[in-house]
Amino acid sequence: IDGHCEGYPMRDTAVKELKKRFDACCIMLDNDEAGIAGSTKLAEQTGFKNIILPNINNTKDISDLYKSLNNKQEFISIIKPLFD
């Protein structure tokens, strides 16, 4: 695979190992133009599920979203459906 994850290549051996060890693998990069483009390409190349965070409070990644919400239950109610 010639795709990149956060600027680093993801090798075929890594993809195969992840698929062997886990029932499902997900990709969640930053919720900006570059992150969405990169995660879409990587998902197409690997078959992993691409999870794109909703744009809430202009947060860019999952840790920013959690910090911005400052409410564990609300965070869970937003994130959990993305993995279904």
N, C-alpha and C. Protein backbone atom coordinates (compact mmCIF):
# COMPACT_ATOMS: atom_id res chain seq x y z
N ILE A 1 0.87 -1.18 0.00
CA ILE A 1 0.00 0.00 0.00
C ILE A 1 0.90 1.22 0.00
N ASP A 2 0.59 2.16 -0.86
CA ASP A 2 1.41 3.36 -0.91
C ASP A 2 0.75 4.51 -0.16
N GLY A 3 -0.31 4.24 0.58
CA GLY A 3 -1.00 5.29 1.34
C GLY A 3 -0.19 5.71 2.54
N HIS A 4 -0.56 6.82 3.09
CA HIS A 4 0.14 7.34 4.25
C HIS A 4 -0.86 7.61 5.35
N CYS A 5 -0.41 7.45 6.56
CA CYS A 5 -1.21 7.72 7.74
C CYS A 5 -0.46 8.76 8.56
N GLU A 6 -1.00 9.95 8.64
CA GLU A 6 -0.35 11.03 9.38
C GLU A 6 1.09 11.21 8.91
N GLY A 7 1.32 11.10 7.63
CA GLY A 7 2.64 11.37 7.08
C GLY A 7 3.56 10.16 7.01
N TYR A 8 3.13 9.01 7.55
CA TYR A 8 3.96 7.81 7.54
C TYR A 8 3.28 6.74 6.70
N PRO A 9 4.06 6.00 5.92
CA PRO A 9 3.44 4.95 5.10
C PRO A 9 2.91 3.82 5.98
N MET A 10 1.82 3.19 5.55
CA MET A 10 1.27 2.03 6.23
C MET A 10 1.59 0.82 5.36
N ARG A 11 2.41 -0.04 5.86
CA ARG A 11 2.88 -1.18 5.08
C ARG A 11 1.83 -2.28 5.01
N ASP A 12 1.90 -3.05 3.94
CA ASP A 12 0.99 -4.19 3.75
C ASP A 12 1.06 -5.14 4.94
N THR A 13 2.26 -5.36 5.47
CA THR A 13 2.39 -6.29 6.60
C THR A 13 1.64 -5.77 7.83
N ALA A 14 1.66 -4.48 8.04
CA ALA A 14 0.93 -3.90 9.18
C ALA A 14 -0.57 -4.05 8.98
N VAL A 15 -1.05 -3.81 7.78
CA VAL A 15 -2.48 -3.94 7.47
C VAL A 15 -2.91 -5.40 7.68
N LYS A 16 -2.14 -6.33 7.17
CA LYS A 16 -2.47 -7.75 7.31
C LYS A 16 -2.48 -8.16 8.78
N GLU A 17 -1.52 -7.70 9.54
CA GLU A 17 -1.45 -8.05 10.96
C GLU A 17 -2.65 -7.49 11.73
N LEU A 18 -3.01 -6.26 11.44
CA LEU A 18 -4.18 -5.67 12.11
C LEU A 18 -5.45 -6.43 11.77
N LYS A 19 -5.61 -6.78 10.51
CA LYS A 19 -6.80 -7.53 10.09
C LYS A 19 -6.85 -8.91 10.72
N LYS A 20 -5.68 -9.50 10.93
CA LYS A 20 -5.60 -10.82 11.55
C LYS A 20 -5.95 -10.76 13.04
N ARG A 21 -5.52 -9.69 13.70
CA ARG A 21 -5.68 -9.59 15.15
C ARG A 21 -7.02 -9.03 15.60
N PHE A 22 -7.68 -8.24 14.73
CA PHE A 22 -8.90 -7.55 15.15
C PHE A 22 -10.05 -7.84 14.19
N ASP A 23 -11.25 -7.91 14.74
CA ASP A 23 -12.44 -8.12 13.93
C ASP A 23 -12.73 -6.93 13.02
N ALA A 24 -12.44 -5.75 13.53
CA ALA A 24 -12.67 -4.52 12.76
C ALA A 24 -11.56 -3.52 13.05
N CYS A 25 -11.17 -2.79 12.04
CA CYS A 25 -10.17 -1.74 12.19
C CYS A 25 -10.77 -0.44 11.68
N CYS A 26 -10.48 0.65 12.38
CA CYS A 26 -11.03 1.95 12.02
C CYS A 26 -9.93 2.97 11.84
N ILE A 27 -10.23 3.95 11.02
CA ILE A 27 -9.34 5.08 10.78
C ILE A 27 -10.06 6.32 11.26
N MET A 28 -9.37 7.15 12.03
CA MET A 28 -9.95 8.42 12.46
C MET A 28 -8.82 9.45 12.51
N LEU A 29 -8.67 10.18 11.43
CA LEU A 29 -7.67 11.23 11.37
C LEU A 29 -8.33 12.56 11.69
N ASP A 30 -7.58 13.62 11.61
CA ASP A 30 -8.13 14.95 11.89
C ASP A 30 -9.32 15.26 10.99
N ASN A 31 -10.22 16.06 11.52
CA ASN A 31 -11.41 16.45 10.79
C ASN A 31 -11.17 17.77 10.04
N ASP A 32 -10.12 17.77 9.25
CA ASP A 32 -9.85 18.91 8.37
C ASP A 32 -9.70 18.35 6.96
N GLU A 33 -9.51 19.22 6.01
CA GLU A 33 -9.46 18.78 4.61
C GLU A 33 -8.40 17.72 4.37
N ALA A 34 -7.21 17.93 4.89
CA ALA A 34 -6.12 16.97 4.68
C ALA A 34 -6.41 15.65 5.39
N GLY A 35 -6.93 15.71 6.61
CA GLY A 35 -7.25 14.51 7.36
C GLY A 35 -8.34 13.68 6.71
N ILE A 36 -9.37 14.35 6.23
CA ILE A 36 -10.47 13.65 5.57
C ILE A 36 -10.00 13.01 4.26
N ALA A 37 -9.22 13.75 3.50
CA ALA A 37 -8.70 13.20 2.24
C ALA A 37 -7.79 12.00 2.52
N GLY A 38 -6.92 12.14 3.51
CA GLY A 38 -6.00 11.05 3.84
C GLY A 38 -6.71 9.82 4.37
N SER A 39 -7.68 10.03 5.23
CA SER A 39 -8.39 8.88 5.80
C SER A 39 -9.26 8.19 4.75
N THR A 40 -9.82 8.96 3.84
CA THR A 40 -10.63 8.37 2.77
C THR A 40 -9.77 7.49 1.87
N LYS A 41 -8.61 8.00 1.51
CA LYS A 41 -7.69 7.23 0.66
C LYS A 41 -7.20 5.98 1.38
N LEU A 42 -6.85 6.13 2.65
CA LEU A 42 -6.34 4.99 3.41
C LEU A 42 -7.43 3.93 3.60
N ALA A 43 -8.66 4.36 3.83
CA ALA A 43 -9.76 3.41 3.97
C ALA A 43 -9.99 2.63 2.68
N GLU A 44 -9.91 3.31 1.56
CA GLU A 44 -10.07 2.64 0.26
C GLU A 44 -8.97 1.61 0.04
N GLN A 45 -7.76 1.93 0.45
CA GLN A 45 -6.63 1.05 0.21
C GLN A 45 -6.59 -0.13 1.19
N THR A 46 -7.09 0.05 2.40
CA THR A 46 -6.97 -0.98 3.42
C THR A 46 -8.26 -1.76 3.68
N GLY A 47 -9.39 -1.14 3.37
CA GLY A 47 -10.66 -1.75 3.71
C GLY A 47 -11.09 -1.45 5.14
N PHE A 48 -10.33 -0.64 5.85
CA PHE A 48 -10.69 -0.25 7.21
C PHE A 48 -11.85 0.73 7.16
N LYS A 49 -12.62 0.78 8.24
CA LYS A 49 -13.74 1.72 8.32
C LYS A 49 -13.21 3.12 8.56
N ASN A 50 -13.67 4.06 7.77
CA ASN A 50 -13.26 5.45 7.91
C ASN A 50 -14.29 6.18 8.77
N ILE A 51 -13.86 6.69 9.89
CA ILE A 51 -14.75 7.42 10.79
C ILE A 51 -14.36 8.89 10.75
N ILE A 52 -15.31 9.71 10.35
CA ILE A 52 -15.08 11.15 10.27
C ILE A 52 -15.90 11.82 11.36
N LEU A 53 -15.22 12.53 12.22
CA LEU A 53 -15.90 13.22 13.31
C LEU A 53 -16.80 14.33 12.79
N PRO A 54 -17.95 14.50 13.42
CA PRO A 54 -18.79 15.64 13.04
C PRO A 54 -18.09 16.93 13.46
N ASN A 55 -18.38 18.00 12.77
CA ASN A 55 -17.78 19.29 13.09
C ASN A 55 -18.60 19.93 14.21
N ILE A 56 -18.13 19.76 15.42
CA ILE A 56 -18.79 20.32 16.60
C ILE A 56 -17.80 21.25 17.28
N ASN A 57 -18.19 22.47 17.49
CA ASN A 57 -17.34 23.47 18.16
C ASN A 57 -15.99 23.65 17.47
N ASN A 58 -15.96 23.44 16.16
CA ASN A 58 -14.73 23.60 15.37
C ASN A 58 -13.57 22.75 15.88
N THR A 59 -13.89 21.58 16.43
CA THR A 59 -12.84 20.68 16.90
C THR A 59 -12.28 19.90 15.72
N LYS A 60 -11.00 19.57 15.81
CA LYS A 60 -10.30 18.93 14.71
C LYS A 60 -10.06 17.44 14.93
N ASP A 61 -9.97 17.03 16.19
CA ASP A 61 -9.73 15.61 16.46
C ASP A 61 -10.51 15.17 17.70
N ILE A 62 -10.44 13.89 17.99
CA ILE A 62 -11.27 13.31 19.04
C ILE A 62 -10.94 13.88 20.43
N SER A 63 -9.67 14.14 20.69
CA SER A 63 -9.31 14.68 22.00
C SER A 63 -9.80 16.12 22.16
N ASP A 64 -9.74 16.90 21.07
CA ASP A 64 -10.27 18.26 21.11
C ASP A 64 -11.78 18.25 21.34
N LEU A 65 -12.46 17.29 20.72
CA LEU A 65 -13.91 17.18 20.89
C LEU A 65 -14.25 16.87 22.34
N TYR A 66 -13.55 15.92 22.92
CA TYR A 66 -13.80 15.55 24.32
C TYR A 66 -13.58 16.74 25.24
N LYS A 67 -12.48 17.43 25.03
CA LYS A 67 -12.16 18.60 25.86
C LYS A 67 -13.20 19.71 25.67
N SER A 68 -13.61 19.93 24.44
CA SER A 68 -14.57 20.99 24.14
C SER A 68 -15.93 20.73 24.78
N LEU A 69 -16.37 19.47 24.73
CA LEU A 69 -17.68 19.13 25.29
C LEU A 69 -17.67 19.17 26.82
N ASN A 70 -16.54 18.73 27.40
CA ASN A 70 -16.41 18.70 28.86
C ASN A 70 -17.58 17.95 29.51
N ASN A 71 -18.05 16.89 28.83
CA ASN A 71 -19.17 16.11 29.32
C ASN A 71 -19.03 14.70 28.76
N LYS A 72 -18.65 13.75 29.61
CA LYS A 72 -18.38 12.39 29.17
C LYS A 72 -19.60 11.75 28.49
N GLN A 73 -20.76 11.89 29.06
CA GLN A 73 -21.96 11.27 28.50
C GLN A 73 -22.31 11.83 27.13
N GLU A 74 -22.19 13.14 26.98
CA GLU A 74 -22.47 13.75 25.67
C GLU A 74 -21.45 13.27 24.64
N PHE A 75 -20.20 13.19 25.05
CA PHE A 75 -19.14 12.70 24.17
C PHE A 75 -19.46 11.28 23.70
N ILE A 76 -19.81 10.42 24.61
CA ILE A 76 -20.14 9.03 24.28
C ILE A 76 -21.34 8.98 23.34
N SER A 77 -22.34 9.82 23.59
CA SER A 77 -23.54 9.81 22.73
C SER A 77 -23.23 10.26 21.30
N ILE A 78 -22.19 11.03 21.12
CA ILE A 78 -21.78 11.48 19.78
C ILE A 78 -20.88 10.44 19.11
N ILE A 79 -19.94 9.88 19.87
CA ILE A 79 -18.92 8.98 19.31
C ILE A 79 -19.45 7.57 19.06
N LYS A 80 -20.20 7.03 19.97
CA LYS A 80 -20.64 5.63 19.87
C LYS A 80 -21.34 5.32 18.54
N PRO A 81 -22.30 6.12 18.09
CA PRO A 81 -22.97 5.80 16.82
C PRO A 81 -22.03 5.78 15.60
N LEU A 82 -20.91 6.48 15.69
CA LEU A 82 -19.97 6.50 14.57
C LEU A 82 -19.33 5.14 14.33
N PHE A 83 -19.29 4.30 15.36
CA PHE A 83 -18.66 2.99 15.27
C PHE A 83 -19.65 1.87 14.94
N ASP A 84 -20.93 2.19 14.91
CA ASP A 84 -21.95 1.16 14.62
C ASP A 84 -21.98 0.81 13.15
